[in-house]
Amino acid sequence: MATISIASDKGGVSKTTCAILFASELALDGYRVTLIDADLNQQAVAFGRKTDIAGLKVVGEVREDNILALLRKAEGESEVVLVDLPGGSSTLALKALHRSHFVLVPSQASLPDVRAAMKTVAQIDDAQELARSPIARAIVWTRVLSGFESRSARHVRQSVEGEGQVPILRTAVMERAAFREIHITGHVPRQVDPNGSAAANVAAFTAELLQRISTLAEAA
């Protein structure tokens, strides 16, 4: 179906959390999903050891010299492959971006985060140039506080959205205690409280991503 990388040049933007939530939601919907944890912290691997979601496989021990082989294997076994990329620029990241159909760039609505997101977008552009083929991408706002947005955050968000250079998902990933707890329990919100606001947020986020990926497939 698709290979999707989740990338950010800056830590603390819920990159790995987004990867786990998206992968888990798809697996709970019946997709065969492989999540490749290329991040140095290996938090997705730690989650994979705790979780009991059928259809979800988490792969670690990712290096520059084996990333392409791991991707080929995962693509042969799964309908969706997600890659949680390490921060910064690297040959490993470039290889994964080169092979991706879509890249999701998590960012908080702050100037340091947006600057880091633009660096990530530049890396996607480099991979696209090497591939000689378009690589779709989008920013997703993360850690958004429910019912409150500071003046500075609103200004940053509106400025980026107004420029329109990079698509931005309509659905933001909210700041939820339930999202932090997945790393402790190995259970995602849909397993704990399927009717709760956190589960609804994940479902909306996943539905929008799937729609964008389906649009890509139809255009291919």
Protein backbone atom coordinates (compact mmCIF):
# COMPACT_ATOMS: atom_id res chain seq x y z
CA MET A 1 0.00 0.00 0.00
CA ALA A 2 2.54 2.64 1.10
CA THR A 3 5.85 3.38 2.78
CA ILE A 4 5.59 6.39 5.07
CA SER A 5 8.45 8.08 6.89
CA ILE A 6 7.89 10.25 9.95
CA ALA A 7 10.70 12.76 10.22
CA SER A 8 11.74 15.75 12.28
CA ASP A 9 15.02 17.59 12.66
CA LYS A 10 14.04 18.47 16.24
CA GLY A 11 13.25 16.31 19.25
CA GLY A 12 10.25 16.73 21.52
CA VAL A 13 7.65 17.10 18.76
CA SER A 14 5.95 13.70 19.35
CA LYS A 15 7.49 12.11 16.25
CA THR A 16 7.71 8.62 17.73
CA THR A 17 4.34 8.99 19.44
CA CYS A 18 2.75 9.86 16.07
CA ALA A 19 4.43 6.84 14.48
CA ILE A 20 3.18 4.48 17.21
CA LEU A 21 -0.36 5.89 17.23
CA PHE A 22 -0.72 5.74 13.44
CA ALA A 23 0.79 2.25 13.17
CA SER A 24 -1.37 0.92 16.01
CA GLU A 25 -4.58 2.44 14.66
CA LEU A 26 -4.00 0.88 11.24
CA ALA A 27 -3.21 -2.52 12.78
CA LEU A 28 -6.36 -2.34 14.92
CA ASP A 29 -8.28 -1.63 11.71
CA GLY A 30 -6.96 -4.91 10.27
CA TYR A 31 -3.98 -3.76 8.21
CA ARG A 32 -0.66 -5.61 8.33
CA VAL A 33 1.76 -2.93 9.54
CA THR A 34 5.51 -2.85 10.07
CA LEU A 35 6.97 0.02 12.08
CA ILE A 36 10.71 0.39 11.51
CA ASP A 37 12.31 2.17 14.45
CA ALA A 38 15.37 3.98 13.11
CA ASP A 39 15.44 6.53 15.92
CA LEU A 40 18.40 6.33 18.28
CA ASN A 41 16.19 6.22 21.38
CA GLN A 42 14.35 3.05 20.22
CA GLN A 43 11.13 4.05 21.97
CA ALA A 44 8.98 2.36 19.32
CA VAL A 45 10.87 -0.89 19.90
CA ALA A 46 10.22 -0.56 23.64
CA PHE A 47 6.51 -0.06 22.89
CA GLY A 48 6.56 -3.09 20.58
CA ARG A 49 7.82 -5.30 23.42
CA LYS A 50 4.86 -4.26 25.59
CA THR A 51 2.00 -4.16 23.15
CA ASP A 52 -0.28 -7.01 22.08
CA ILE A 53 -1.74 -5.56 18.87
CA ALA A 54 -2.20 -8.25 16.23
CA GLY A 55 -0.89 -7.26 12.81
CA LEU A 56 1.68 -4.81 14.16
CA LYS A 57 5.36 -5.63 13.88
CA VAL A 58 8.06 -3.32 15.25
CA VAL A 59 11.59 -3.67 13.89
CA GLY A 60 14.71 -2.20 15.48
CA GLU A 61 18.48 -2.50 15.05
CA VAL A 62 18.32 -0.25 11.99
CA ARG A 63 21.56 0.95 10.46
CA GLU A 64 22.72 2.74 7.36
CA ASP A 65 23.90 -0.57 5.88
CA ASN A 66 20.65 -2.50 6.44
CA ILE A 67 17.83 0.04 6.09
CA LEU A 68 17.11 -0.79 2.44
CA ALA A 69 17.05 -4.53 3.09
CA LEU A 70 14.71 -4.01 6.06
CA LEU A 71 12.43 -1.85 3.92
CA ARG A 72 12.30 -4.43 1.12
CA LYS A 73 11.42 -7.18 3.60
CA ALA A 74 8.78 -5.08 5.34
CA GLU A 75 7.21 -4.00 2.05
CA GLY A 76 6.93 -7.64 1.04
CA GLU A 77 5.20 -8.62 4.28
CA SER A 78 3.02 -5.60 5.10
CA GLU A 79 0.39 -3.36 3.61
CA VAL A 80 1.77 -0.28 5.35
CA VAL A 81 5.39 0.36 6.33
CA LEU A 82 6.17 3.22 8.71
CA VAL A 83 9.68 4.48 9.38
CA ASP A 84 10.41 6.47 12.54
CA LEU A 85 13.49 8.33 11.32
CA PRO A 86 16.35 9.67 13.46
CA GLY A 87 16.65 13.41 13.87
CA GLY A 88 19.03 15.36 11.67
CA SER A 89 20.49 14.60 8.29
CA SER A 90 22.06 11.21 7.63
CA THR A 91 22.57 8.67 4.86
CA LEU A 92 20.13 6.37 6.64
CA ALA A 93 17.43 9.05 6.61
CA LEU A 94 18.14 9.93 2.98
CA LYS A 95 17.75 6.29 1.93
CA ALA A 96 14.44 5.95 3.74
CA LEU A 97 13.12 9.26 2.40
CA HIS A 98 14.17 8.25 -1.12
CA ARG A 99 12.01 5.12 -0.83
CA SER A 100 9.00 6.78 0.83
CA HIS A 101 5.69 7.50 -0.83
CA PHE A 102 4.81 10.04 1.84
CA VAL A 103 6.66 11.88 4.62
CA LEU A 104 4.93 13.24 7.69
CA VAL A 105 6.70 16.09 9.51
CA PRO A 106 5.46 16.66 13.09
CA SER A 107 5.93 20.19 14.44
CA GLN A 108 4.75 22.31 17.30
CA ALA A 109 3.55 25.82 16.47
CA SER A 110 6.73 27.55 17.64
CA LEU A 111 9.49 29.23 15.65
CA PRO A 112 12.25 26.72 16.63
CA ASP A 113 10.02 23.80 15.69
CA VAL A 114 8.94 25.34 12.39
CA ARG A 115 12.55 26.13 11.47
CA ALA A 116 13.43 22.48 12.17
CA ALA A 117 10.44 21.36 10.10
CA MET A 118 11.69 23.43 7.17
CA LYS A 119 15.11 21.74 7.46
CA THR A 120 13.33 18.41 7.27
CA VAL A 121 11.39 19.58 4.22
CA ALA A 122 14.72 20.52 2.59
CA GLN A 123 15.95 16.97 3.22
CA ILE A 124 12.81 15.62 1.55
CA ASP A 125 13.53 17.90 -1.41
CA ASP A 126 17.05 16.44 -1.66
CA ALA A 127 15.68 12.88 -1.62
CA GLN A 128 13.10 13.88 -4.23
CA GLU A 129 15.83 15.29 -6.46
CA LEU A 130 17.78 12.04 -6.20
CA ALA A 131 14.67 9.96 -6.87
CA ARG A 132 13.64 12.18 -9.79
CA SER A 133 10.11 11.57 -8.63
CA PRO A 134 7.79 13.57 -6.33
CA ILE A 135 7.71 12.63 -2.65
CA ALA A 136 4.50 13.80 -1.00
CA ARG A 137 4.80 15.42 2.39
CA ALA A 138 2.78 17.26 5.01
CA ILE A 139 3.25 18.94 8.36
CA VAL A 140 1.12 17.90 11.31
CA TRP A 141 0.77 20.22 14.28
CA THR A 142 1.47 18.33 17.50
CA ARG A 143 1.07 18.78 21.26
CA VAL A 144 -1.73 21.26 20.69
CA LEU A 145 -3.50 22.26 23.92
CA SER A 146 -7.24 21.68 23.88
CA GLY A 147 -9.29 24.87 24.02
CA PHE A 148 -6.32 27.21 24.18
CA GLU A 149 -3.81 28.61 21.71
CA SER A 150 -1.32 31.29 22.68
CA ARG A 151 -1.00 34.41 20.56
CA SER A 152 2.53 33.46 19.49
CA ALA A 153 1.52 29.91 18.56
CA ARG A 154 -1.43 31.20 16.55
CA HIS A 155 0.81 33.69 14.73
CA VAL A 156 3.36 30.98 13.83
CA ARG A 157 0.67 28.55 12.69
CA GLN A 158 -1.18 31.12 10.60
CA SER A 159 2.07 32.34 9.00
CA VAL A 160 3.08 28.85 7.90
CA GLU A 161 -0.42 27.97 6.71
CA GLY A 162 -0.65 31.29 4.88
CA GLU A 163 2.54 30.65 2.92
CA GLY A 164 1.09 27.39 1.64
CA GLN A 165 4.49 25.95 0.65
CA VAL A 166 4.00 22.71 2.57
CA PRO A 167 0.60 21.03 3.02
CA ILE A 168 -0.60 20.91 6.62
CA LEU A 169 -3.00 18.32 7.94
CA ARG A 170 -6.34 19.70 9.08
CA THR A 171 -6.22 17.38 12.09
CA ALA A 172 -3.74 18.33 14.82
CA VAL A 173 -2.36 15.85 17.33
CA MET A 174 -3.50 17.16 20.69
CA GLU A 175 -1.59 17.20 23.97
CA ARG A 176 -3.06 14.23 25.83
CA ALA A 177 -1.92 12.32 28.91
CA ALA A 178 -3.19 9.19 27.15
CA PHE A 179 -0.56 9.68 24.42
CA ARG A 180 2.26 9.84 26.97
CA GLU A 181 0.98 6.74 28.74
CA ILE A 182 1.34 4.48 25.68
CA HIS A 183 5.09 4.29 26.36
CA ILE A 184 4.39 3.03 29.88
CA THR A 185 1.51 0.65 29.29
CA GLY A 186 1.95 -0.53 25.72
CA HIS A 187 -1.74 0.24 25.15
CA VAL A 188 -3.05 2.95 22.82
CA PRO A 189 -6.16 5.05 23.61
CA ARG A 190 -8.45 2.92 21.44
CA GLN A 191 -7.64 -0.09 23.63
CA VAL A 192 -8.10 1.79 26.90
CA ASP A 193 -11.05 4.10 26.18
CA PRO A 194 -12.35 3.61 22.62
CA ASN A 195 -14.99 6.31 23.06
CA GLY A 196 -12.66 8.89 24.59
CA SER A 197 -11.33 12.11 23.08
CA ALA A 198 -7.79 10.76 22.67
CA ALA A 199 -9.04 7.77 20.65
CA ALA A 200 -11.18 10.10 18.53
CA ASN A 201 -8.16 12.32 17.85
CA VAL A 202 -6.10 9.34 16.67
CA ALA A 203 -8.94 8.10 14.47
CA ALA A 204 -9.33 11.52 12.79
CA PHE A 205 -5.57 11.89 12.30
CA THR A 206 -5.34 8.40 10.78
CA ALA A 207 -8.35 8.89 8.52
CA GLU A 208 -6.88 12.08 7.06
CA LEU A 209 -3.51 10.44 6.45
CA LEU A 210 -5.19 7.47 4.75
CA GLN A 211 -7.16 9.84 2.56
CA ARG A 212 -3.98 11.58 1.44
CA ILE A 213 -2.28 8.26 0.72
CA SER A 214 -5.32 7.00 -1.21
CA THR A 215 -5.23 10.16 -3.32
CA LEU A 216 -1.58 9.46 -4.15
CA ALA A 217 -2.41 5.88 -5.17
CA GLU A 218 -5.24 7.05 -7.42
CA ALA A 219 -2.98 9.59 -9.12
CA ALA A 220 -0.18 7.05 -9.73
